[in-house]
C-alpha atoms as a PDB file:
ATOM      1  CA  UNK A   1      93.541 162.654  42.958  1.00  0.00           C
ATOM      2  CA  UNK A   2      94.667 160.476  45.776  1.00  0.00           C
ATOM      3  CA  UNK A   3      93.773 156.922  46.614  1.00  0.00           C
ATOM      4  CA  UNK A   4      93.146 155.827  50.131  1.00  0.00           C
ATOM      5  CA  UNK A   5      93.638 152.339  51.622  1.00  0.00           C
ATOM      6  CA  UNK A   6      90.278 151.232  50.158  1.00  0.00           C
ATOM      7  CA  UNK A   7      91.458 152.286  46.696  1.00  0.00           C
ATOM      8  CA  UNK A   8      88.804 155.017  46.483  1.00  0.00           C
ATOM      9  CA  UNK A   9      89.644 158.134  44.563  1.00  0.00           C
ATOM     10  CA  UNK A  10      89.524 161.103  46.887  1.00  0.00           C
ATOM     11  CA  UNK A  11      89.370 164.752  45.985  1.00  0.00           C
ATOM     12  CA  UNK A  12      92.847 166.173  46.028  1.00  0.00           C
ATOM     13  CA  UNK A  13      93.269 169.344  48.068  1.00  0.00           C
ATOM     14  CA  UNK A  14      95.781 170.427  45.428  1.00  0.00           C
ATOM     15  CA  UNK A  15      94.711 169.073  42.024  1.00  0.00           C
ATOM     16  CA  UNK A  16      97.577 168.006  39.808  1.00  0.00           C
ATOM     17  CA  UNK A  17      95.658 168.226  36.557  1.00  0.00           C
ATOM     18  CA  UNK A  18      92.820 170.139  34.985  1.00  0.00           C
ATOM     19  CA  UNK A  19      90.300 167.289  35.245  1.00  0.00           C
ATOM     20  CA  UNK A  20      89.101 168.172  38.725  1.00  0.00           C
ATOM     21  CA  UNK A  21      88.983 171.849  37.792  1.00  0.00           C
ATOM     22  CA  UNK A  22      86.855 171.072  34.713  1.00  0.00           C
ATOM     23  CA  UNK A  23      84.504 168.900  36.747  1.00  0.00           C
ATOM     24  CA  UNK A  24      84.233 171.631  39.380  1.00  0.00           C
ATOM     25  CA  UNK A  25      83.226 174.123  36.660  1.00  0.00           C
ATOM     26  CA  UNK A  26      80.553 171.701  35.403  1.00  0.00           C
ATOM     27  CA  UNK A  27      79.182 171.262  38.916  1.00  0.00           C
ATOM     28  CA  UNK A  28      79.152 175.002  39.524  1.00  0.00           C
ATOM     29  CA  UNK A  29      76.743 175.362  36.576  1.00  0.00           C
ATOM     30  CA  UNK A  30      74.132 173.066  38.250  1.00  0.00           C
ATOM     31  CA  UNK A  31      71.129 175.000  39.520  1.00  0.00           C
ATOM     32  CA  UNK A  32      70.630 173.839  43.120  1.00  0.00           C
ATOM     33  CA  UNK A  33      67.411 175.764  43.625  1.00  0.00           C
ATOM     34  CA  UNK A  34      65.097 172.882  42.588  1.00  0.00           C
ATOM     35  CA  UNK A  35      66.897 170.597  45.063  1.00  0.00           C
ATOM     36  CA  UNK A  36      66.569 173.099  47.906  1.00  0.00           C
ATOM     37  CA  UNK A  37      62.913 173.552  47.015  1.00  0.00           C
ATOM     38  CA  UNK A  38      62.303 169.774  47.337  1.00  0.00           C
ATOM     39  CA  UNK A  39      64.291 169.639  50.579  1.00  0.00           C
ATOM     40  CA  UNK A  40      62.182 172.459  52.011  1.00  0.00           C
ATOM     41  CA  UNK A  41      59.074 170.379  51.424  1.00  0.00           C
ATOM     42  CA  UNK A  42      60.450 167.533  53.591  1.00  0.00           C
ATOM     43  CA  UNK A  43      59.424 167.917  57.226  1.00  0.00           C
ATOM     44  CA  UNK A  44      62.547 165.954  58.320  1.00  0.00           C
ATOM     45  CA  UNK A  45      65.114 167.681  56.042  1.00  0.00           C
ATOM     46  CA  UNK A  46      63.745 171.167  56.713  1.00  0.00           C
ATOM     47  CA  UNK A  47      63.939 170.659  60.482  1.00  0.00           C
ATOM     48  CA  UNK A  48      67.747 171.011  60.546  1.00  0.00           C
ATOM     49  CA  UNK A  49      69.396 174.337  61.446  1.00  0.00           C
ATOM     50  CA  UNK A  50      72.712 175.656  62.689  1.00  0.00           C
ATOM     51  CA  UNK A  51      72.770 176.590  66.375  1.00  0.00           C
ATOM     52  CA  UNK A  52      75.079 179.136  68.008  1.00  0.00           C
ATOM     53  CA  UNK A  53      77.831 176.554  68.593  1.00  0.00           C
ATOM     54  CA  UNK A  54      77.770 175.539  64.898  1.00  0.00           C
ATOM     55  CA  UNK A  55      77.937 179.144  63.758  1.00  0.00           C
ATOM     56  CA  UNK A  56      80.801 179.893  66.150  1.00  0.00           C
ATOM     57  CA  UNK A  57      82.654 176.820  64.818  1.00  0.00           C
ATOM     58  CA  UNK A  58      82.316 178.097  61.247  1.00  0.00           C
ATOM     59  CA  UNK A  59      83.459 181.589  62.250  1.00  0.00           C
ATOM     60  CA  UNK A  60      86.443 180.193  64.166  1.00  0.00           C
ATOM     61  CA  UNK A  61      87.614 177.773  61.428  1.00  0.00           C
ATOM     62  CA  UNK A  62      86.681 179.851  58.379  1.00  0.00           C
ATOM     63  CA  UNK A  63      84.988 178.768  55.169  1.00  0.00           C
ATOM     64  CA  UNK A  64      88.133 177.324  53.548  1.00  0.00           C
ATOM     65  CA  UNK A  65      88.761 174.962  56.476  1.00  0.00           C
ATOM     66  CA  UNK A  66      85.085 173.998  56.565  1.00  0.00           C
ATOM     67  CA  UNK A  67      85.113 173.158  52.885  1.00  0.00           C
ATOM     68  CA  UNK A  68      88.373 171.212  53.180  1.00  0.00           C
ATOM     69  CA  UNK A  69      86.917 169.218  56.077  1.00  0.00           C
ATOM     70  CA  UNK A  70      83.731 168.607  54.118  1.00  0.00           C
ATOM     71  CA  UNK A  71      85.676 167.305  51.099  1.00  0.00           C
ATOM     72  CA  UNK A  72      87.679 164.966  53.359  1.00  0.00           C
ATOM     73  CA  UNK A  73      84.504 163.768  55.093  1.00  0.00           C
ATOM     74  CA  UNK A  74      82.810 162.991  51.787  1.00  0.00           C
ATOM     75  CA  UNK A  75      85.873 161.204  50.433  1.00  0.00           C
ATOM     76  CA  UNK A  76      86.259 159.026  53.544  1.00  0.00           C
ATOM     77  CA  UNK A  77      82.694 158.481  54.778  1.00  0.00           C
ATOM     78  CA  UNK A  78      80.543 158.630  51.647  1.00  0.00           C
ATOM     79  CA  UNK A  79      82.680 157.914  48.573  1.00  0.00           C
ATOM     80  CA  UNK A  80      83.447 154.188  49.112  1.00  0.00           C
ATOM     81  CA  UNK A  81      81.192 151.740  47.292  1.00  0.00           C
ATOM     82  CA  UNK A  82      80.360 149.880  50.487  1.00  0.00           C
ATOM     83  CA  UNK A  83      80.187 151.512  53.904  1.00  0.00           C
ATOM     84  CA  UNK A  84      79.888 149.084  56.807  1.00  0.00           C
ATOM     85  CA  UNK A  85      77.796 151.464  58.938  1.00  0.00           C
ATOM     86  CA  UNK A  86      75.902 153.148  56.080  1.00  0.00           C
ATOM     87  CA  UNK A  87      72.960 155.088  57.418  1.00  0.00           C
ATOM     88  CA  UNK A  88      74.646 155.555  60.782  1.00  0.00           C
ATOM     89  CA  UNK A  89      77.981 157.127  59.874  1.00  0.00           C
ATOM     90  CA  UNK A  90      76.959 160.781  60.108  1.00  0.00           C
ATOM     91  CA  UNK A  91      76.438 162.260  63.583  1.00  0.00           C
ATOM     92  CA  UNK A  92      73.251 164.314  64.059  1.00  0.00           C
ATOM     93  CA  UNK A  93      74.414 166.360  67.069  1.00  0.00           C
ATOM     94  CA  UNK A  94      75.171 170.033  67.050  1.00  0.00           C
ATOM     95  CA  UNK A  95      78.558 171.427  67.986  1.00  0.00           C
ATOM     96  CA  UNK A  96      80.664 168.609  66.512  1.00  0.00           C
ATOM     97  CA  UNK A  97      81.166 169.576  62.870  1.00  0.00           C
ATOM     98  CA  UNK A  98      78.487 171.724  61.174  1.00  0.00           C
ATOM     99  CA  UNK A  99      78.747 169.925  57.813  1.00  0.00           C
ATOM    100  CA  UNK A 100      77.323 166.821  59.542  1.00  0.00           C
ATOM    101  CA  UNK A 101      74.110 168.747  60.190  1.00  0.00           C
ATOM    102  CA  UNK A 102      74.171 170.002  56.605  1.00  0.00           C
ATOM    103  CA  UNK A 103      74.600 166.451  55.327  1.00  0.00           C
ATOM    104  CA  UNK A 104      71.326 165.444  57.026  1.00  0.00           C
ATOM    105  CA  UNK A 105      69.559 168.604  55.869  1.00  0.00           C
ATOM    106  CA  UNK A 106      70.547 167.979  52.244  1.00  0.00           C
ATOM    107  CA  UNK A 107      70.187 164.205  51.991  1.00  0.00           C
ATOM    108  CA  UNK A 108      73.947 163.762  51.712  1.00  0.00           C
ATOM    109  CA  UNK A 109      74.351 161.789  54.971  1.00  0.00           C
ATOM    110  CA  UNK A 110      74.507 158.215  53.624  1.00  0.00           C
ATOM    111  CA  UNK A 111      74.415 156.358  50.332  1.00  0.00           C
ATOM    112  CA  UNK A 112      70.726 155.602  50.709  1.00  0.00           C
ATOM    113  CA  UNK A 113      69.871 159.280  51.010  1.00  0.00           C
ATOM    114  CA  UNK A 114      72.270 160.173  48.168  1.00  0.00           C
ATOM    115  CA  UNK A 115      70.382 157.770  45.959  1.00  0.00           C
ATOM    116  CA  UNK A 116      66.946 158.998  47.052  1.00  0.00           C
ATOM    117  CA  UNK A 117      67.593 162.713  46.932  1.00  0.00           C
ATOM    118  CA  UNK A 118      70.332 163.032  44.314  1.00  0.00           C
ATOM    119  CA  UNK A 119      69.969 159.977  42.093  1.00  0.00           C
ATOM    120  CA  UNK A 120      73.505 158.812  42.912  1.00  0.00           C
ATOM    121  CA  UNK A 121      73.357 155.011  43.054  1.00  0.00           C
ATOM    122  CA  UNK A 122      74.725 152.859  45.872  1.00  0.00           C
ATOM    123  CA  UNK A 123      77.152 150.002  45.347  1.00  0.00           C
ATOM    124  CA  UNK A 124      79.901 151.876  43.523  1.00  0.00           C
ATOM    125  CA  UNK A 125      82.437 154.500  44.580  1.00  0.00           C
ATOM    126  CA  UNK A 126      81.431 158.126  44.094  1.00  0.00           C
ATOM    127  CA  UNK A 127      83.075 159.742  41.129  1.00  0.00           C
ATOM    128  CA  UNK A 128      85.184 162.841  41.682  1.00  0.00           C
ATOM    129  CA  UNK A 129      82.391 164.892  40.082  1.00  0.00           C
ATOM    130  CA  UNK A 130      79.851 163.434  42.511  1.00  0.00           C
ATOM    131  CA  UNK A 131      82.145 164.240  45.448  1.00  0.00           C
ATOM    132  CA  UNK A 132      82.486 167.794  44.168  1.00  0.00           C
ATOM    133  CA  UNK A 133      78.712 168.049  43.737  1.00  0.00           C
ATOM    134  CA  UNK A 134      78.012 166.706  47.237  1.00  0.00           C
ATOM    135  CA  UNK A 135      80.512 169.118  48.767  1.00  0.00           C
ATOM    136  CA  UNK A 136      78.903 172.002  46.887  1.00  0.00           C
ATOM    137  CA  UNK A 137      75.429 171.088  48.092  1.00  0.00           C
ATOM    138  CA  UNK A 138      76.598 170.892  51.708  1.00  0.00           C
ATOM    139  CA  UNK A 139      78.545 174.163  51.494  1.00  0.00           C
ATOM    140  CA  UNK A 140      75.576 175.924  49.881  1.00  0.00           C
ATOM    141  CA  UNK A 141      73.270 174.816  52.690  1.00  0.00           C
ATOM    142  CA  UNK A 142      75.796 175.975  55.307  1.00  0.00           C
ATOM    143  CA  UNK A 143      76.122 179.393  53.689  1.00  0.00           C
ATOM    144  CA  UNK A 144      72.339 179.786  53.438  1.00  0.00           C
ATOM    145  CA  UNK A 145      71.932 178.872  57.093  1.00  0.00           C
ATOM    146  CA  UNK A 146      74.855 180.765  58.648  1.00  0.00           C
ATOM    147  CA  UNK A 147      73.008 184.065  58.810  1.00  0.00           C
END
């Protein structure tokens, strides 16, 4: 784990211990199908898609880079307990960074949506496990929509 200037634990790109690996294994066991079913019932959440620019970006960067960028985005923009621009920190435009679109589609765009859709409360930093979970949800949506 690393700590940033706000003293928030961020996901390490190269874990030094087995804790993150164990948490990742736990998160991998979570069935995301019920979440995606609920998201599909939301007119707003189900309106998001990847356009040609987004798909080209993913193809150019590759899945590993996309996941790394997603992890960094979650750690910096979503993990802190208090986010000054919460609810406005995630761009909604295509062609910038496809995980931003996925964040809106999955309710992982701000702490309010994380609380509503995933039961992750506001007002405290995200745990490493919650960061791993959020990254997994976003990556799963991207893979499902990059057809």
